[in-house]
């Protein structure tokens, strides 16, 4: 899209919406710096999401004949 078209559309917006557009442009700029996604997993962020069953280490019934 041409910059002139964007400026024309932007000039027609009320001031409140112009500030929202500016915030969104900042968001898009920071979202993908240099083509890399800067998000990294946080250690322990899945804590409490999974539960181990008490018999987790027990042999499976399906493999009894091989043991």
PDB file of N, CA and C in Angstrom:
ATOM      1  N   UNK A   1       0.849  -1.166   0.000  1.00  0.00           N
ATOM      2  CA  UNK A   1       0.000   0.000   0.000  1.00  0.00           C
ATOM      3  C   UNK A   1       0.899   1.235   0.000  1.00  0.00           C
ATOM      4  N   UNK A   2       0.496   2.220  -0.695  1.00  0.00           N
ATOM      5  CA  UNK A   2       1.265   3.456  -0.830  1.00  0.00           C
ATOM      6  C   UNK A   2       1.181   4.274   0.465  1.00  0.00           C
ATOM      7  N   UNK A   3       2.301   4.904   0.861  1.00  0.00           N
ATOM      8  CA  UNK A   3       2.342   5.717   2.078  1.00  0.00           C
ATOM      9  C   UNK A   3       1.377   6.892   2.012  1.00  0.00           C
ATOM     10  N   UNK A   4       1.211   7.468   0.826  1.00  0.00           N
ATOM     11  CA  UNK A   4       0.304   8.611   0.683  1.00  0.00           C
ATOM     12  C   UNK A   4      -1.131   8.211   1.001  1.00  0.00           C
ATOM     13  N   UNK A   5      -1.520   7.009   0.590  1.00  0.00           N
ATOM     14  CA  UNK A   5      -2.879   6.523   0.877  1.00  0.00           C
ATOM     15  C   UNK A   5      -3.047   6.334   2.380  1.00  0.00           C
ATOM     16  N   UNK A   6      -2.030   5.772   3.024  1.00  0.00           N
ATOM     17  CA  UNK A   6      -2.099   5.588   4.475  1.00  0.00           C
ATOM     18  C   UNK A   6      -2.192   6.921   5.202  1.00  0.00           C
ATOM     19  N   UNK A   7      -1.395   7.891   4.780  1.00  0.00           N
ATOM     20  CA  UNK A   7      -1.446   9.212   5.410  1.00  0.00           C
ATOM     21  C   UNK A   7      -2.806   9.873   5.220  1.00  0.00           C
ATOM     22  N   UNK A   8      -3.390   9.715   4.058  1.00  0.00           N
ATOM     23  CA  UNK A   8      -4.710  10.281   3.803  1.00  0.00           C
ATOM     24  C   UNK A   8      -5.756   9.662   4.713  1.00  0.00           C
ATOM     25  N   UNK A   9      -5.714   8.340   4.836  1.00  0.00           N
ATOM     26  CA  UNK A   9      -6.672   7.650   5.716  1.00  0.00           C
ATOM     27  C   UNK A   9      -6.450   8.047   7.170  1.00  0.00           C
ATOM     28  N   UNK A  10      -5.189   8.158   7.555  1.00  0.00           N
ATOM     29  CA  UNK A  10      -4.860   8.523   8.930  1.00  0.00           C
ATOM     30  C   UNK A  10      -5.318   9.939   9.261  1.00  0.00           C
ATOM     31  N   UNK A  11      -5.200  10.831   8.321  1.00  0.00           N
ATOM     32  CA  UNK A  11      -5.591  12.220   8.570  1.00  0.00           C
ATOM     33  C   UNK A  11      -7.097  12.365   8.790  1.00  0.00           C
ATOM     34  N   UNK A  12      -7.873  11.431   8.315  1.00  0.00           N
ATOM     35  CA  UNK A  12      -9.332  11.490   8.468  1.00  0.00           C
ATOM     36  C   UNK A  12      -9.820  10.939   9.816  1.00  0.00           C
ATOM     37  N   UNK A  13      -8.934  10.288  10.551  1.00  0.00           N
ATOM     38  CA  UNK A  13      -9.324   9.685  11.827  1.00  0.00           C
ATOM     39  C   UNK A  13      -9.360  10.718  12.944  1.00  0.00           C
ATOM     40  N   UNK A  14     -10.215  10.489  13.953  1.00  0.00           N
ATOM     41  CA  UNK A  14     -10.201  11.346  15.145  1.00  0.00           C
ATOM     42  C   UNK A  14      -8.900  11.123  15.936  1.00  0.00           C
ATOM     43  N   UNK A  15      -8.551  12.088  16.788  1.00  0.00           N
ATOM     44  CA  UNK A  15      -7.288  12.027  17.537  1.00  0.00           C
ATOM     45  C   UNK A  15      -7.154  10.761  18.372  1.00  0.00           C
ATOM     46  N   UNK A  16      -8.244  10.318  18.994  1.00  0.00           N
ATOM     47  CA  UNK A  16      -8.189   9.112  19.837  1.00  0.00           C
ATOM     48  C   UNK A  16      -7.782   7.904  19.001  1.00  0.00           C
ATOM     49  N   UNK A  17      -8.353   7.768  17.820  1.00  0.00           N
ATOM     50  CA  UNK A  17      -8.015   6.639  16.961  1.00  0.00           C
ATOM     51  C   UNK A  17      -6.604   6.762  16.389  1.00  0.00           C
ATOM     52  N   UNK A  18      -6.146   7.988  16.179  1.00  0.00           N
ATOM     53  CA  UNK A  18      -4.769   8.181  15.708  1.00  0.00           C
ATOM     54  C   UNK A  18      -3.768   7.657  16.730  1.00  0.00           C
ATOM     55  N   UNK A  19      -4.061   7.888  18.020  1.00  0.00           N
ATOM     56  CA  UNK A  19      -3.153   7.379  19.057  1.00  0.00           C
ATOM     57  C   UNK A  19      -3.188   5.849  19.108  1.00  0.00           C
ATOM     58  N   UNK A  20      -4.354   5.264  18.841  1.00  0.00           N
ATOM     59  CA  UNK A  20      -4.441   3.801  18.788  1.00  0.00           C
ATOM     60  C   UNK A  20      -3.638   3.245  17.609  1.00  0.00           C
ATOM     61  N   UNK A  21      -3.704   3.946  16.479  1.00  0.00           N
ATOM     62  CA  UNK A  21      -2.924   3.534  15.307  1.00  0.00           C
ATOM     63  C   UNK A  21      -1.441   3.612  15.626  1.00  0.00           C
ATOM     64  N   UNK A  22      -1.011   4.670  16.308  1.00  0.00           N
ATOM     65  CA  UNK A  22       0.394   4.824  16.685  1.00  0.00           C
ATOM     66  C   UNK A  22       0.829   3.693  17.610  1.00  0.00           C
ATOM     67  N   UNK A  23      -0.031   3.337  18.573  1.00  0.00           N
ATOM     68  CA  UNK A  23       0.282   2.225  19.472  1.00  0.00           C
ATOM     69  C   UNK A  23       0.399   0.918  18.698  1.00  0.00           C
ATOM     70  N   UNK A  24      -0.491   0.713  17.741  1.00  0.00           N
ATOM     71  CA  UNK A  24      -0.458  -0.515  16.954  1.00  0.00           C
ATOM     72  C   UNK A  24       0.795  -0.590  16.092  1.00  0.00           C
ATOM     73  N   UNK A  25       1.209   0.547  15.533  1.00  0.00           N
ATOM     74  CA  UNK A  25       2.443   0.575  14.742  1.00  0.00           C
ATOM     75  C   UNK A  25       3.634   0.232  15.634  1.00  0.00           C
ATOM     76  N   UNK A  26       3.658   0.766  16.860  1.00  0.00           N
ATOM     77  CA  UNK A  26       4.728   0.427  17.804  1.00  0.00           C
ATOM     78  C   UNK A  26       4.716  -1.060  18.125  1.00  0.00           C
ATOM     79  N   UNK A  27       3.533  -1.614  18.326  1.00  0.00           N
ATOM     80  CA  UNK A  27       3.397  -3.042  18.605  1.00  0.00           C
ATOM     81  C   UNK A  27       3.963  -3.876  17.459  1.00  0.00           C
ATOM     82  N   UNK A  28       3.580  -3.526  16.234  1.00  0.00           N
ATOM     83  CA  UNK A  28       4.060  -4.272  15.075  1.00  0.00           C
ATOM     84  C   UNK A  28       5.566  -4.143  14.909  1.00  0.00           C
ATOM     85  N   UNK A  29       6.099  -2.980  15.210  1.00  0.00           N
ATOM     86  CA  UNK A  29       7.539  -2.763  15.110  1.00  0.00           C
ATOM     87  C   UNK A  29       8.282  -3.630  16.114  1.00  0.00           C
ATOM     88  N   UNK A  30       7.782  -3.709  17.336  1.00  0.00           N
ATOM     89  CA  UNK A  30       8.449  -4.480  18.386  1.00  0.00           C
ATOM     90  C   UNK A  30       8.173  -5.968  18.292  1.00  0.00           C
ATOM     91  N   UNK A  31       7.112  -6.340  17.629  1.00  0.00           N
ATOM     92  CA  UNK A  31       6.707  -7.749  17.555  1.00  0.00           C
ATOM     93  C   UNK A  31       7.727  -8.598  16.822  1.00  0.00           C
ATOM     94  N   UNK A  32       8.220  -8.098  15.751  1.00  0.00           N
ATOM     95  CA  UNK A  32       9.083  -8.916  14.916  1.00  0.00           C
ATOM     96  C   UNK A  32      10.314  -8.112  14.510  1.00  0.00           C
ATOM     97  N   UNK A  33      11.252  -7.992  15.422  1.00  0.00           N
ATOM     98  CA  UNK A  33      12.471  -7.237  15.181  1.00  0.00           C
ATOM     99  C   UNK A  33      13.433  -8.095  14.371  1.00  0.00           C
ATOM    100  N   UNK A  34      13.890  -7.584  13.256  1.00  0.00           N
ATOM    101  CA  UNK A  34      14.851  -8.273  12.385  1.00  0.00           C
ATOM    102  C   UNK A  34      14.355  -9.636  11.914  1.00  0.00           C
ATOM    103  N   UNK A  35      13.064  -9.817  11.827  1.00  0.00           N
ATOM    104  CA  UNK A  35      12.517 -11.066  11.318  1.00  0.00           C
ATOM    105  C   UNK A  35      12.566 -12.218  12.309  1.00  0.00           C
ATOM    106  N   UNK A  36      12.925 -11.939  13.557  1.00  0.00           N
ATOM    107  CA  UNK A  36      13.013 -13.002  14.568  1.00  0.00           C
ATOM    108  C   UNK A  36      11.906 -12.832  15.590  1.00  0.00           C
ATOM    109  N   UNK A  37      11.390 -13.938  16.042  1.00  0.00           N
ATOM    110  CA  UNK A  37      10.415 -13.911  17.125  1.00  0.00           C
ATOM    111  C   UNK A  37      11.204 -13.925  18.423  1.00  0.00           C
ATOM    112  N   UNK A  38      11.115 -12.878  19.208  1.00  0.00           N
ATOM    113  CA  UNK A  38      11.939 -12.720  20.399  1.00  0.00           C
ATOM    114  C   UNK A  38      11.377 -13.423  21.636  1.00  0.00           C
ATOM    115  N   UNK A  39      10.205 -14.033  21.508  1.00  0.00           N
ATOM    116  CA  UNK A  39       9.641 -14.719  22.670  1.00  0.00           C
ATOM    117  C   UNK A  39      10.452 -15.969  22.985  1.00  0.00           C
ATOM    118  N   UNK A  40      10.665 -16.213  24.249  1.00  0.00           N
ATOM    119  CA  UNK A  40      11.381 -17.404  24.692  1.00  0.00           C
ATOM    120  C   UNK A  40      10.552 -18.075  25.781  1.00  0.00           C
ATOM    121  N   UNK A  41      10.631 -19.393  25.849  1.00  0.00           N
ATOM    122  CA  UNK A  41       9.871 -20.071  26.888  1.00  0.00           C
ATOM    123  C   UNK A  41      10.397 -19.706  28.276  1.00  0.00           C
ATOM    124  N   UNK A  42       9.492 -19.624  29.213  1.00  0.00           N
ATOM    125  CA  UNK A  42       9.852 -19.295  30.585  1.00  0.00           C
ATOM    126  C   UNK A  42       9.884 -20.579  31.385  1.00  0.00           C
ATOM    127  N   UNK A  43      11.002 -20.826  32.081  1.00  0.00           N
ATOM    128  CA  UNK A  43      11.142 -22.036  32.879  1.00  0.00           C
ATOM    129  C   UNK A  43      10.045 -22.099  33.931  1.00  0.00           C
ATOM    130  N   UNK A  44       9.347 -23.228  33.977  1.00  0.00           N
ATOM    131  CA  UNK A  44       8.305 -23.446  34.971  1.00  0.00           C
ATOM    132  C   UNK A  44       6.947 -22.891  34.589  1.00  0.00           C
ATOM    133  N   UNK A  45       6.788 -22.416  33.381  1.00  0.00           N
ATOM    134  CA  UNK A  45       5.511 -21.801  33.008  1.00  0.00           C
ATOM    135  C   UNK A  45       4.388 -22.827  32.873  1.00  0.00           C
ATOM    136  N   UNK A  46       4.702 -24.106  32.739  1.00  0.00           N
ATOM    137  CA  UNK A  46       3.676 -25.144  32.623  1.00  0.00           C
ATOM    138  C   UNK A  46       3.447 -25.870  33.948  1.00  0.00           C
ATOM    139  N   UNK A  47       4.014 -25.339  35.026  1.00  0.00           N
ATOM    140  CA  UNK A  47       3.890 -25.990  36.326  1.00  0.00           C
ATOM    141  C   UNK A  47       2.421 -26.126  36.715  1.00  0.00           C
ATOM    142  N   UNK A  48       2.043 -27.328  37.111  1.00  0.00           N
ATOM    143  CA  UNK A  48       0.682 -27.597  37.531  1.00  0.00           C
ATOM    144  C   UNK A  48      -0.266 -27.972  36.407  1.00  0.00           C
ATOM    145  N   UNK A  49       0.206 -27.945  35.175  1.00  0.00           N
ATOM    146  CA  UNK A  49      -0.663 -28.266  34.047  1.00  0.00           C
ATOM    147  C   UNK A  49      -0.735 -29.773  33.790  1.00  0.00           C
ATOM    148  N   UNK A  50       0.241 -30.517  34.277  1.00  0.00           N
ATOM    149  CA  UNK A  50       0.298 -31.954  34.027  1.00  0.00           C
ATOM    150  C   UNK A  50       0.451 -32.682  35.350  1.00  0.00           C
ATOM    151  N   UNK A  51      -0.170 -33.845  35.436  1.00  0.00           N
ATOM    152  CA  UNK A  51      -0.054 -34.665  36.642  1.00  0.00           C
ATOM    153  C   UNK A  51       0.464 -36.034  36.263  1.00  0.00           C
ATOM    154  N   UNK A  52       1.419 -36.531  37.026  1.00  0.00           N
ATOM    155  CA  UNK A  52       1.938 -37.883  36.827  1.00  0.00           C
ATOM    156  C   UNK A  52       1.068 -38.832  37.660  1.00  0.00           C
ATOM    157  N   UNK A  53       0.668 -39.906  37.067  1.00  0.00           N
ATOM    158  CA  UNK A  53      -0.109 -40.904  37.786  1.00  0.00           C
ATOM    159  C   UNK A  53       0.820 -41.645  38.752  1.00  0.00           C
ATOM    160  N   UNK A  54       0.302 -42.111  39.878  1.00  0.00           N
ATOM    161  CA  UNK A  54       1.155 -42.799  40.854  1.00  0.00           C
ATOM    162  C   UNK A  54       1.820 -44.060  40.283  1.00  0.00           C
ATOM    163  N   UNK A  55       1.179 -44.708  39.315  1.00  0.00           N
ATOM    164  CA  UNK A  55       1.738 -45.944  38.756  1.00  0.00           C
ATOM    165  C   UNK A  55       2.512 -45.691  37.455  1.00  0.00           C
ATOM    166  N   UNK A  56       3.023 -44.501  37.273  1.00  0.00           N
ATOM    167  CA  UNK A  56       3.698 -44.137  36.032  1.00  0.00           C
ATOM    168  C   UNK A  56       4.887 -45.052  35.731  1.00  0.00           C
ATOM    169  N   UNK A  57       5.656 -45.414  36.741  1.00  0.00           N
ATOM    170  CA  UNK A  57       6.859 -46.228  36.547  1.00  0.00           C
ATOM    171  C   UNK A  57       6.583 -47.733  36.533  1.00  0.00           C
ATOM    172  N   UNK A  58       5.376 -48.122  36.779  1.00  0.00           N
ATOM    173  CA  UNK A  58       5.043 -49.547  36.796  1.00  0.00           C
ATOM    174  C   UNK A  58       5.063 -50.114  35.375  1.00  0.00           C
ATOM    175  N   UNK A  59       5.418 -51.404  35.235  1.00  0.00           N
ATOM    176  CA  UNK A  59       5.414 -52.020  33.896  1.00  0.00           C
ATOM    177  C   UNK A  59       3.998 -52.067  33.314  1.00  0.00           C
ATOM    178  N   UNK A  60       3.907 -51.957  32.024  1.00  0.00           N
ATOM    179  CA  UNK A  60       2.611 -51.994  31.350  1.00  0.00           C
ATOM    180  C   UNK A  60       2.137 -53.434  31.192  1.00  0.00           C
ATOM    181  N   UNK A  61       0.832 -53.624  31.265  1.00  0.00           N
ATOM    182  CA  UNK A  61       0.247 -54.957  31.102  1.00  0.00           C
ATOM    183  C   UNK A  61       0.599 -55.547  29.729  1.00  0.00           C
ATOM    184  N   UNK A  62       0.646 -54.716  28.709  1.00  0.00           N
ATOM    185  CA  UNK A  62       0.902 -55.187  27.355  1.00  0.00           C
ATOM    186  C   UNK A  62       2.280 -55.827  27.189  1.00  0.00           C
ATOM    187  N   UNK A  63       3.228 -55.488  28.049  1.00  0.00           N
ATOM    188  CA  UNK A  63       4.595 -55.982  27.900  1.00  0.00           C
ATOM    189  C   UNK A  63       4.953 -57.069  28.909  1.00  0.00           C
ATOM    190  N   UNK A  64       3.982 -57.562  29.682  1.00  0.00           N
ATOM    191  CA  UNK A  64       4.272 -58.569  30.705  1.00  0.00           C
ATOM    192  C   UNK A  64       4.874 -59.828  30.096  1.00  0.00           C
ATOM    193  N   UNK A  65       4.430 -60.248  28.921  1.00  0.00           N
ATOM    194  CA  UNK A  65       4.943 -61.478  28.324  1.00  0.00           C
ATOM    195  C   UNK A  65       6.399 -61.335  27.871  1.00  0.00           C
ATOM    196  N   UNK A  66       6.881 -60.121  27.692  1.00  0.00           N
ATOM    197  CA  UNK A  66       8.267 -59.898  27.277  1.00  0.00           C
ATOM    198  C   UNK A  66       9.217 -59.733  28.452  1.00  0.00           C
ATOM    199  N   UNK A  67       8.704 -59.631  29.641  1.00  0.00           N
ATOM    200  CA  UNK A  67       9.555 -59.389  30.821  1.00  0.00           C
ATOM    201  C   UNK A  67       9.785 -60.653  31.604  1.00  0.00           C
TER     202      UNK A  67
END
